[in-house]
Amino acid sequence: MRFTRLARFAAATVMAGATALVAPAAAQAAVPVGGGTPVLVGGTAGCTITAAGFDSTGAPVAFTAAHCSDRIDSPVILKDNEGAGVIGTIVTRNEILDYSVIRLNPGTAFPVRQQGVTGRGPAPQFGDIVCKDGLSTGHTCGITWQREGVRFWSQACAGYGDSGGPITRDGRLVGLVSGGHMPPAAGAVGSVGPILPSCVHPAQSPFFLPALGYSFDAIVDDATARGWPGQGFQMA
C-alpha cells in the first residue's frame, strides 16, 4: 500500500513538472509608441516615429519617413526592444512629402503622446527656433533658415536614424524630419552646401548641413484628402 502511494505521488510530481515545461510563456504586455520612439523598419532601417494616435476610423497609427522603406507591408519593430515583436506595419507612403503611415498592432503596441508636446502647430517661419528628437542625435534645437511651402530647413542637428523624427516649436508638433539637404534657393549658403559637414562630423563644426523637415499639418491633410490610413489623425 505504501509503495502504491509513493508511486502515485512520484507520477503526479513528474506530470506536474512536465506541464510546467510545456506551458506557454505569459504574453508580453503591449509597449508604448509615440513621437521620438526609435524603430527599425523592414528589420534594418533605423528611423524615428513622428507621432502616434488614432485616425478617423479609430485605428491606432503612427507616422515616420517614407524613405525608411521602399515598400508597403514592411514590418516595424522597436530599435531598443526587438523582443516586443512587430509593433506595426507600413500601410501607405508618400515619397513627395516623405511620410509613411504605420498601422499599429493593438496587442503589441499602443499610442502615447510625446512628453512635452501639447498639440500641433503650423510649419515654422524664418527665424523660429525649432527642436527635433531622433534615434541618432537625440534632442537638438536650432534656428529655421528657410520655408518653402510645406518644406522648411533648420539648424536643428539631424543625422542617420533621425528620419521621421518629430520637429516641435514651443511644445507643438510642426514637422517631420526628412534629412539633411540644402535649400534649392539658399543663395550664398547654398554655394557652400557641398563643403558643409554633417552635424555629427568628428570635427563638430559650428556650421553644418541644415535639416529638411515637412509640415506635419500638410502630411495629415494629404492622408485625409486621399482617404488613406492616418486620415483625420489625432494624437494620443
Protein backbone atom coordinates (compact mmCIF):
# COMPACT_ATOMS: atom_id res chain seq x y z
CA MET A 1 0.00 0.00 0.00
CA ARG A 2 2.77 2.38 0.98
CA PHE A 3 4.63 1.63 -2.27
CA THR A 4 1.47 2.35 -4.30
CA ARG A 5 1.01 5.72 -2.62
CA LEU A 6 4.65 6.64 -3.21
CA ALA A 7 4.39 5.60 -6.85
CA ARG A 8 1.28 7.72 -7.35
CA PHE A 9 2.96 10.73 -5.67
CA ALA A 10 6.04 10.35 -7.87
CA ALA A 11 3.92 10.05 -11.02
CA ALA A 12 1.92 13.16 -10.08
CA THR A 13 5.14 15.12 -9.44
CA VAL A 14 6.57 14.14 -12.82
CA MET A 15 3.36 15.11 -14.62
CA ALA A 16 3.27 18.49 -12.85
CA GLY A 17 6.85 19.15 -13.91
CA ALA A 18 6.09 18.19 -17.50
CA THR A 19 3.09 20.53 -17.55
CA ALA A 20 5.24 23.38 -16.31
CA LEU A 21 7.77 22.73 -19.07
CA VAL A 22 5.22 22.85 -21.87
CA ALA A 23 3.01 25.66 -20.51
CA PRO A 24 3.13 28.72 -22.81
CA ALA A 25 5.03 31.78 -21.59
CA ALA A 26 2.96 34.70 -20.40
CA ALA A 27 2.22 37.15 -23.21
CA GLN A 28 4.34 40.31 -23.12
CA ALA A 29 2.42 43.47 -22.32
CA ALA A 30 1.85 45.94 -25.15
CA VAL A 31 4.51 48.66 -25.37
CA PRO A 32 4.01 52.44 -25.68
CA VAL A 33 4.84 54.08 -29.02
CA GLY A 34 4.98 57.84 -29.57
CA GLY A 35 6.90 60.75 -31.03
CA GLY A 36 10.64 60.14 -30.76
CA THR A 37 10.36 56.35 -30.43
CA PRO A 38 13.29 54.69 -32.30
CA VAL A 39 12.27 51.89 -34.67
CA LEU A 40 13.62 49.51 -37.29
CA VAL A 41 11.59 49.41 -40.50
CA GLY A 42 11.85 46.22 -42.50
CA GLY A 43 14.12 44.90 -39.78
CA THR A 44 17.11 47.02 -40.85
CA ALA A 45 16.34 50.72 -41.46
CA GLY A 46 16.75 52.75 -38.29
CA CYS A 47 14.21 55.57 -38.15
CA THR A 48 12.13 57.54 -35.65
CA ILE A 49 8.39 57.89 -35.03
CA THR A 50 6.92 61.36 -35.62
CA ALA A 51 3.73 60.89 -33.61
CA ALA A 52 1.22 58.19 -32.71
CA GLY A 53 -2.52 58.27 -32.16
CA PHE A 54 -5.71 57.32 -33.96
CA ASP A 55 -7.11 58.09 -37.40
CA SER A 56 -10.73 58.88 -38.17
CA THR A 57 -11.60 55.17 -38.40
CA GLY A 58 -10.36 54.63 -34.85
CA ALA A 59 -7.33 52.64 -35.99
CA PRO A 60 -4.13 53.10 -33.94
CA VAL A 61 -1.47 54.55 -36.25
CA ALA A 62 1.92 56.23 -36.23
CA PHE A 63 3.94 58.25 -38.75
CA THR A 64 7.56 58.07 -39.87
CA ALA A 65 9.55 58.94 -43.01
CA ALA A 66 8.68 57.28 -46.35
CA HIS A 67 12.31 56.70 -47.29
CA CYS A 68 12.69 54.34 -44.31
CA SER A 69 11.21 51.63 -46.55
CA ASP A 70 10.63 51.32 -50.27
CA ARG A 71 7.51 49.16 -49.99
CA ILE A 72 4.15 48.73 -48.30
CA ASP A 73 3.75 45.91 -45.74
CA SER A 74 7.23 46.38 -44.25
CA PRO A 75 7.17 45.27 -40.59
CA VAL A 76 8.20 47.71 -37.88
CA ILE A 77 9.92 46.75 -34.62
CA LEU A 78 11.33 48.74 -31.72
CA LYS A 79 15.03 49.58 -32.06
CA ASP A 80 15.60 49.24 -28.31
CA ASN A 81 13.22 46.33 -27.66
CA GLU A 82 13.18 43.90 -30.58
CA GLY A 83 11.78 41.23 -28.27
CA ALA A 84 8.47 43.08 -28.18
CA GLY A 85 7.82 41.77 -31.68
CA VAL A 86 6.31 43.52 -34.68
CA ILE A 87 4.60 46.66 -33.37
CA GLY A 88 3.01 47.53 -36.71
CA THR A 89 3.20 47.52 -40.49
CA ILE A 90 3.72 50.20 -43.12
CA VAL A 91 0.33 50.60 -44.80
CA THR A 92 0.90 53.63 -47.02
CA ARG A 93 3.66 56.03 -48.04
CA ASN A 94 4.09 59.29 -49.92
CA GLU A 95 7.58 59.96 -51.28
CA ILE A 96 6.78 63.58 -52.20
CA LEU A 97 6.07 64.58 -48.60
CA ASP A 98 8.34 61.78 -47.35
CA TYR A 99 5.92 60.20 -44.90
CA SER A 100 4.73 56.69 -44.14
CA VAL A 101 1.80 55.57 -42.02
CA ILE A 102 2.25 52.61 -39.69
CA ARG A 103 -0.83 50.69 -38.58
CA LEU A 104 -0.03 49.62 -35.02
CA ASN A 105 -0.80 46.11 -33.78
CA PRO A 106 -3.12 46.66 -30.78
CA GLY A 107 -1.89 43.56 -28.98
CA THR A 108 1.73 44.64 -29.28
CA ALA A 109 1.79 48.44 -29.11
CA PHE A 110 -0.40 51.33 -28.04
CA PRO A 111 -0.04 55.03 -28.99
CA VAL A 112 1.07 57.65 -26.47
CA ARG A 113 1.75 61.37 -26.81
CA GLN A 114 5.33 62.54 -26.72
CA GLN A 115 6.18 64.14 -23.39
CA GLY A 116 6.07 67.93 -23.55
CA VAL A 117 4.01 68.07 -26.76
CA THR A 118 0.74 69.93 -26.22
CA GLY A 119 -0.68 69.71 -29.73
CA ARG A 120 0.05 70.55 -33.36
CA GLY A 121 1.13 73.78 -34.99
CA PRO A 122 1.85 75.24 -38.44
CA ALA A 123 5.22 74.91 -40.13
CA PRO A 124 7.79 77.38 -38.75
CA GLN A 125 8.88 80.59 -40.44
CA PHE A 126 12.33 82.10 -40.89
CA GLY A 127 13.90 82.84 -37.51
CA ASP A 128 11.74 80.45 -35.48
CA ILE A 129 13.61 78.15 -33.10
CA VAL A 130 12.60 74.50 -33.55
CA CYS A 131 13.69 71.29 -31.83
CA LYS A 132 13.78 67.71 -33.01
CA ASP A 133 14.09 64.27 -31.43
CA GLY A 134 15.73 61.35 -33.17
CA LEU A 135 17.32 57.94 -32.85
CA SER A 136 20.93 59.01 -33.50
CA THR A 137 21.32 62.60 -32.26
CA GLY A 138 18.61 62.84 -29.62
CA HIS A 139 17.10 66.22 -28.74
CA THR A 140 18.58 69.18 -30.62
CA CYS A 141 17.36 72.69 -31.43
CA GLY A 142 18.22 75.38 -33.95
CA ILE A 143 17.01 78.33 -35.98
CA THR A 144 14.77 77.95 -39.05
CA TRP A 145 16.67 79.24 -42.08
CA GLN A 146 14.09 78.94 -44.81
CA ARG A 147 10.48 77.95 -45.51
CA GLU A 148 9.14 76.97 -48.93
CA GLY A 149 5.51 75.93 -48.84
CA VAL A 150 5.31 72.71 -46.82
CA ARG A 151 9.11 72.36 -46.56
CA PHE A 152 11.49 74.10 -44.20
CA TRP A 153 15.17 73.93 -43.28
CA SER A 154 16.59 74.40 -39.80
CA GLN A 155 19.85 74.20 -37.90
CA ALA A 156 18.50 71.52 -35.54
CA CYS A 157 21.15 68.80 -35.82
CA ALA A 158 19.87 65.62 -37.51
CA GLY A 159 21.72 62.50 -38.66
CA TYR A 160 21.12 58.99 -39.96
CA GLY A 161 18.34 57.31 -38.00
CA ASP A 162 16.63 60.60 -37.11
CA SER A 163 14.44 60.37 -40.24
CA GLY A 164 10.77 60.61 -39.35
CA GLY A 165 11.53 62.25 -36.01
CA PRO A 166 9.22 64.94 -34.63
CA ILE A 167 10.07 68.62 -35.09
CA THR A 168 8.48 70.85 -32.47
CA ARG A 169 8.17 74.56 -31.78
CA ASP A 170 7.08 75.87 -28.37
CA GLY A 171 5.81 72.40 -27.44
CA ARG A 172 3.76 71.90 -30.61
CA LEU A 173 4.43 69.32 -33.30
CA VAL A 174 5.16 71.21 -36.52
CA GLY A 175 7.07 68.80 -38.75
CA LEU A 176 8.71 65.51 -39.68
CA VAL A 177 12.48 65.16 -40.13
CA SER A 178 13.25 64.18 -43.72
CA GLY A 179 17.03 64.52 -43.86
CA GLY A 180 19.97 66.84 -44.34
CA HIS A 181 19.55 68.83 -47.53
CA MET A 182 20.43 72.35 -48.61
CA PRO A 183 17.56 74.64 -49.71
CA PRO A 184 17.47 74.88 -53.51
CA ALA A 185 17.41 78.69 -53.34
CA ALA A 186 19.68 79.35 -50.39
CA GLY A 187 21.85 81.92 -52.14
CA ALA A 188 25.31 82.21 -50.61
CA VAL A 189 24.56 79.46 -48.12
CA GLY A 190 23.73 77.09 -50.96
CA SER A 191 27.06 77.79 -52.63
CA VAL A 192 28.92 76.20 -49.71
CA GLY A 193 26.48 73.32 -49.38
CA PRO A 194 28.86 70.68 -50.82
CA ILE A 195 31.55 71.50 -48.24
CA LEU A 196 29.33 71.72 -45.17
CA PRO A 197 29.76 68.68 -42.90
CA SER A 198 27.09 66.71 -41.11
CA CYS A 199 26.38 67.95 -37.61
CA VAL A 200 27.73 64.63 -36.31
CA HIS A 201 31.05 65.14 -38.11
CA PRO A 202 34.04 64.39 -35.81
CA ALA A 203 35.24 67.99 -36.19
CA GLN A 204 31.96 69.19 -34.61
CA SER A 205 31.93 72.28 -36.79
CA PRO A 206 29.50 75.02 -35.70
CA PHE A 207 28.40 75.22 -39.34
CA PHE A 208 26.69 72.11 -40.66
CA LEU A 209 24.18 70.92 -43.21
CA PRO A 210 20.64 72.18 -42.41
CA ALA A 211 17.96 69.57 -41.74
CA LEU A 212 14.95 69.34 -44.04
CA GLY A 213 11.51 69.00 -42.49
CA TYR A 214 7.96 68.70 -43.83
CA SER A 215 4.92 70.31 -42.24
CA PHE A 216 3.06 67.71 -40.20
CA ASP A 217 -0.25 69.52 -40.78
CA ALA A 218 0.36 69.16 -44.54
CA ILE A 219 1.10 65.45 -44.10
CA VAL A 220 -2.15 64.81 -42.20
CA ASP A 221 -4.07 66.91 -44.74
CA ASP A 222 -2.61 64.82 -47.56
CA ALA A 223 -3.53 61.50 -45.94
CA THR A 224 -7.03 62.84 -45.25
CA ALA A 225 -7.56 64.09 -48.80
CA ARG A 226 -6.53 60.70 -50.20
CA GLY A 227 -8.66 58.72 -47.75
CA TRP A 228 -5.56 56.84 -46.65
CA PRO A 229 -4.81 55.31 -43.25
CA GLY A 230 -3.86 58.21 -40.99
CA GLN A 231 -6.71 60.37 -42.30
CA GLY A 232 -8.10 62.77 -39.71
CA PHE A 233 -5.21 61.88 -37.41
CA GLN A 234 -5.47 62.82 -33.75
CA MET A 235 -2.52 62.44 -31.39
CA ALA A 236 -2.96 60.14 -28.41
